[in-house]
Amino acid sequence: MSRRFLVGAFAATMLLGGAAVMAQATAPAAPGKAATAASKTQSVDEDIKLLRQDVRTEKSRVMLNALQLSAEQTQKFLPIYKAYDEELTKLNDLRVANIREYAANYGSMTDAKADLLVNQAISYYRKRVELLANYYDKIRAALGTGTAARFVQVEALLLNVIDLQIQTSLPLVSAPSSP
C-alpha cells in the first residue's frame, strides 16, 4: 500500500503546484503590467489544466492497482469510473473557481466575502460526498459491495491527500473583523 500511497501523494503534489501557481496568477497586477499578467494567467491556466489531467491519470492508475480487478471486472468498472471522474472534474471546477476567488480577494477580504467563500466550499464538499455515494451504489450494483467499499476507501484516501495538499498551500484568512 505504501507504493500506491506515494503515487497518490505525488499526484496531489502536482495539484499543489497548480494551486500555488493559481494563487500567484490571480494576485492583482500592477497597472503597467496588465498585458503581461493576462499572458501569464493564460499560461498558468494551461499549466493547471495539464496538472489536473496528470492528477486524474495517476488517480486512475492508483485506483486500478488498489482494486485488483479481473479483466472482466475492469471492463465493468472503467466506464463507471470514467463517468465518476468526469462528474468530479466538473465539480472540481467549482473548487478551482472558489480558490481563484479567494486568492483574488485575499488582501481585501470582507466578512461577507469570507462567508460566501466558506459556504461555497461547504457546498462543494457536500456535493462531492453525494457524488461518491451515488457512484458507490453504481459500482456496488455492477461489481458487488466489497469492490464498491474498496473504491470508496481508496477514493476517500486520495481525495483526502489532495485536500490536505491544497489546504496547506493556501494561506489562512485574516483575523475576522467582526466579533
Protein backbone atom coordinates (compact mmCIF):
# COMPACT_ATOMS: atom_id res chain seq x y z
CA MET A 1 0.00 0.00 0.00
CA SER A 2 2.91 2.41 0.57
CA ARG A 3 3.78 2.45 -3.16
CA ARG A 4 0.19 3.30 -4.02
CA PHE A 5 0.10 5.96 -1.34
CA LEU A 6 3.27 7.53 -2.72
CA VAL A 7 1.78 7.66 -6.20
CA GLY A 8 -1.30 9.38 -4.77
CA ALA A 9 0.85 11.79 -2.81
CA PHE A 10 2.83 12.54 -5.97
CA ALA A 11 -0.39 13.31 -7.83
CA ALA A 12 -1.57 15.57 -5.04
CA THR A 13 1.78 17.35 -5.04
CA MET A 14 1.32 18.08 -8.72
CA LEU A 15 -2.07 19.56 -7.91
CA LEU A 16 -0.50 21.52 -5.06
CA GLY A 17 1.88 23.13 -7.51
CA GLY A 18 -1.11 24.13 -9.58
CA ALA A 19 -2.88 25.66 -6.59
CA ALA A 20 0.18 27.67 -5.60
CA VAL A 21 0.70 28.90 -9.15
CA MET A 22 -3.00 29.71 -9.39
CA ALA A 23 -2.86 31.84 -6.25
CA GLN A 24 0.09 33.76 -7.69
CA ALA A 25 -1.61 34.20 -11.04
CA THR A 26 -4.78 35.64 -9.56
CA ALA A 27 -2.99 38.21 -7.41
CA PRO A 28 -3.64 41.78 -8.61
CA ALA A 29 -1.12 43.02 -11.18
CA ALA A 30 0.46 46.46 -11.30
CA PRO A 31 -1.31 48.77 -13.80
CA GLY A 32 1.62 48.83 -16.24
CA LYS A 33 1.86 45.06 -16.29
CA ALA A 34 -1.75 44.20 -17.24
CA ALA A 35 -0.85 42.69 -20.63
CA THR A 36 1.93 40.60 -19.11
CA ALA A 37 -0.40 39.48 -16.31
CA ALA A 38 -3.05 38.39 -18.84
CA SER A 39 -0.47 36.37 -20.76
CA LYS A 40 0.85 34.85 -17.53
CA THR A 41 -2.68 33.98 -16.40
CA GLN A 42 -3.37 32.22 -19.70
CA SER A 43 -0.13 30.26 -19.38
CA VAL A 44 -0.97 29.36 -15.77
CA ASP A 45 -4.46 28.26 -16.83
CA GLU A 46 -2.89 25.90 -19.37
CA ASP A 47 -0.45 24.58 -16.75
CA ILE A 48 -3.28 23.97 -14.29
CA LYS A 49 -5.27 22.12 -16.94
CA LEU A 50 -2.30 19.84 -17.64
CA LEU A 51 -1.61 19.28 -13.94
CA ARG A 52 -5.22 18.37 -13.29
CA GLN A 53 -5.13 15.87 -16.16
CA ASP A 54 -1.95 14.33 -14.75
CA VAL A 55 -3.57 14.01 -11.32
CA ARG A 56 -6.62 12.30 -12.80
CA THR A 57 -4.40 9.87 -14.73
CA GLU A 58 -2.37 9.00 -11.63
CA LYS A 59 -5.53 8.64 -9.51
CA SER A 60 -6.97 6.23 -12.05
CA ARG A 61 -3.77 4.18 -12.03
CA VAL A 62 -3.72 4.05 -8.23
CA MET A 63 -7.40 3.10 -8.13
CA LEU A 64 -6.97 0.20 -10.55
CA ASN A 65 -3.94 -1.09 -8.66
CA ALA A 66 -5.79 -0.94 -5.35
CA LEU A 67 -8.96 -2.62 -6.60
CA GLN A 68 -7.10 -5.57 -8.16
CA LEU A 69 -9.90 -6.34 -10.59
CA SER A 70 -10.07 -9.17 -13.11
CA ALA A 71 -10.20 -8.26 -16.79
CA GLU A 72 -13.98 -8.76 -16.80
CA GLN A 73 -14.43 -6.62 -13.69
CA THR A 74 -12.17 -3.92 -15.13
CA GLN A 75 -14.38 -3.75 -18.24
CA LYS A 76 -17.39 -3.13 -16.00
CA PHE A 77 -15.59 -0.72 -13.69
CA LEU A 78 -13.86 1.59 -16.16
CA PRO A 79 -16.96 3.14 -17.78
CA ILE A 80 -18.44 3.80 -14.34
CA TYR A 81 -15.19 5.27 -13.06
CA LYS A 82 -14.82 7.42 -16.17
CA ALA A 83 -18.31 8.85 -15.66
CA TYR A 84 -17.49 9.47 -11.98
CA ASP A 85 -14.22 11.19 -12.92
CA GLU A 86 -16.00 13.42 -15.45
CA GLU A 87 -18.55 14.50 -12.85
CA LEU A 88 -15.83 15.01 -10.24
CA THR A 89 -13.83 17.11 -12.69
CA LYS A 90 -16.83 19.39 -13.26
CA LEU A 91 -17.34 19.62 -9.51
CA ASN A 92 -13.65 20.42 -9.03
CA ASP A 93 -14.06 23.30 -11.47
CA LEU A 94 -16.22 24.90 -8.76
CA ARG A 95 -13.44 24.38 -6.25
CA VAL A 96 -10.85 25.92 -8.55
CA ALA A 97 -13.12 28.91 -9.11
CA ASN A 98 -13.58 29.29 -5.35
CA ILE A 99 -9.81 29.14 -4.78
CA ARG A 100 -9.29 31.74 -7.51
CA GLU A 101 -11.89 33.97 -5.90
CA TYR A 102 -10.21 33.51 -2.52
CA ALA A 103 -6.82 34.42 -3.99
CA ALA A 104 -8.25 37.47 -5.78
CA ASN A 105 -9.85 38.75 -2.57
CA TYR A 106 -7.25 37.63 -0.05
CA GLY A 107 -5.72 41.07 0.51
CA SER A 108 -9.08 42.79 0.89
CA MET A 109 -11.24 40.05 2.40
CA THR A 110 -14.51 41.23 3.92
CA ASP A 111 -16.67 39.25 6.31
CA ALA A 112 -19.33 38.95 3.61
CA LYS A 113 -16.84 37.62 1.04
CA ALA A 114 -15.31 35.20 3.57
CA ASP A 115 -18.78 33.92 4.45
CA LEU A 116 -19.63 33.45 0.78
CA LEU A 117 -16.39 31.57 0.09
CA VAL A 118 -16.78 29.31 3.12
CA ASN A 119 -20.36 28.46 2.16
CA GLN A 120 -19.26 27.72 -1.41
CA ALA A 121 -16.55 25.40 -0.06
CA ILE A 122 -19.04 23.62 2.20
CA SER A 123 -21.42 23.21 -0.75
CA TYR A 124 -18.58 21.71 -2.79
CA TYR A 125 -17.78 19.13 -0.09
CA ARG A 126 -21.45 18.17 0.26
CA LYS A 127 -21.79 17.66 -3.48
CA ARG A 128 -18.59 15.62 -3.55
CA VAL A 129 -19.84 13.29 -0.81
CA GLU A 130 -23.16 12.90 -2.63
CA LEU A 131 -21.30 12.10 -5.85
CA LEU A 132 -19.17 9.47 -4.11
CA ALA A 133 -22.28 7.90 -2.53
CA ASN A 134 -24.03 7.82 -5.90
CA TYR A 135 -21.10 6.05 -7.54
CA TYR A 136 -20.73 3.66 -4.60
CA ASP A 137 -24.25 2.49 -5.42
CA LYS A 138 -23.43 2.14 -9.14
CA ILE A 139 -20.24 0.19 -8.51
CA ARG A 140 -21.94 -1.96 -5.89
CA ALA A 141 -24.67 -2.85 -8.40
CA ALA A 142 -22.11 -3.73 -11.08
CA LEU A 143 -19.32 -5.35 -9.03
CA GLY A 144 -20.58 -6.08 -5.53
CA THR A 145 -20.31 -4.49 -2.12
CA GLY A 146 -16.69 -5.42 -1.42
CA THR A 147 -15.35 -3.78 -4.56
CA ALA A 148 -17.57 -0.75 -4.09
CA ALA A 149 -16.43 -0.39 -0.48
CA ARG A 150 -12.80 -0.60 -1.54
CA PHE A 151 -13.46 2.02 -4.23
CA VAL A 152 -14.83 4.40 -1.59
CA GLN A 153 -11.90 3.72 0.74
CA VAL A 154 -9.26 4.34 -1.93
CA GLU A 155 -11.06 7.35 -3.40
CA ALA A 156 -11.52 8.90 0.05
CA LEU A 157 -7.82 8.38 0.78
CA LEU A 158 -6.78 10.02 -2.48
CA LEU A 159 -9.22 12.90 -2.08
CA ASN A 160 -8.02 13.47 1.49
CA VAL A 161 -4.38 13.59 0.37
CA ILE A 162 -5.28 16.08 -2.36
CA ASP A 163 -7.39 18.12 0.08
CA LEU A 164 -4.50 18.25 2.54
CA GLN A 165 -2.09 19.41 -0.13
CA ILE A 166 -4.45 22.11 -1.36
CA GLN A 167 -5.40 23.34 2.11
CA THR A 168 -1.80 23.56 3.28
CA SER A 169 -0.88 25.58 0.20
CA LEU A 170 -3.46 28.28 0.90
CA PRO A 171 -2.83 30.99 3.47
CA LEU A 172 -5.30 31.29 6.31
CA VAL A 173 -7.82 34.09 6.04
CA SER A 174 -7.01 37.22 8.05
CA ALA A 175 -8.41 37.57 11.56
CA PRO A 176 -12.12 38.34 11.46
CA SER A 177 -13.10 41.97 11.50
CA SER A 178 -16.29 41.36 13.45
CA PRO A 179 -16.70 39.86 16.93
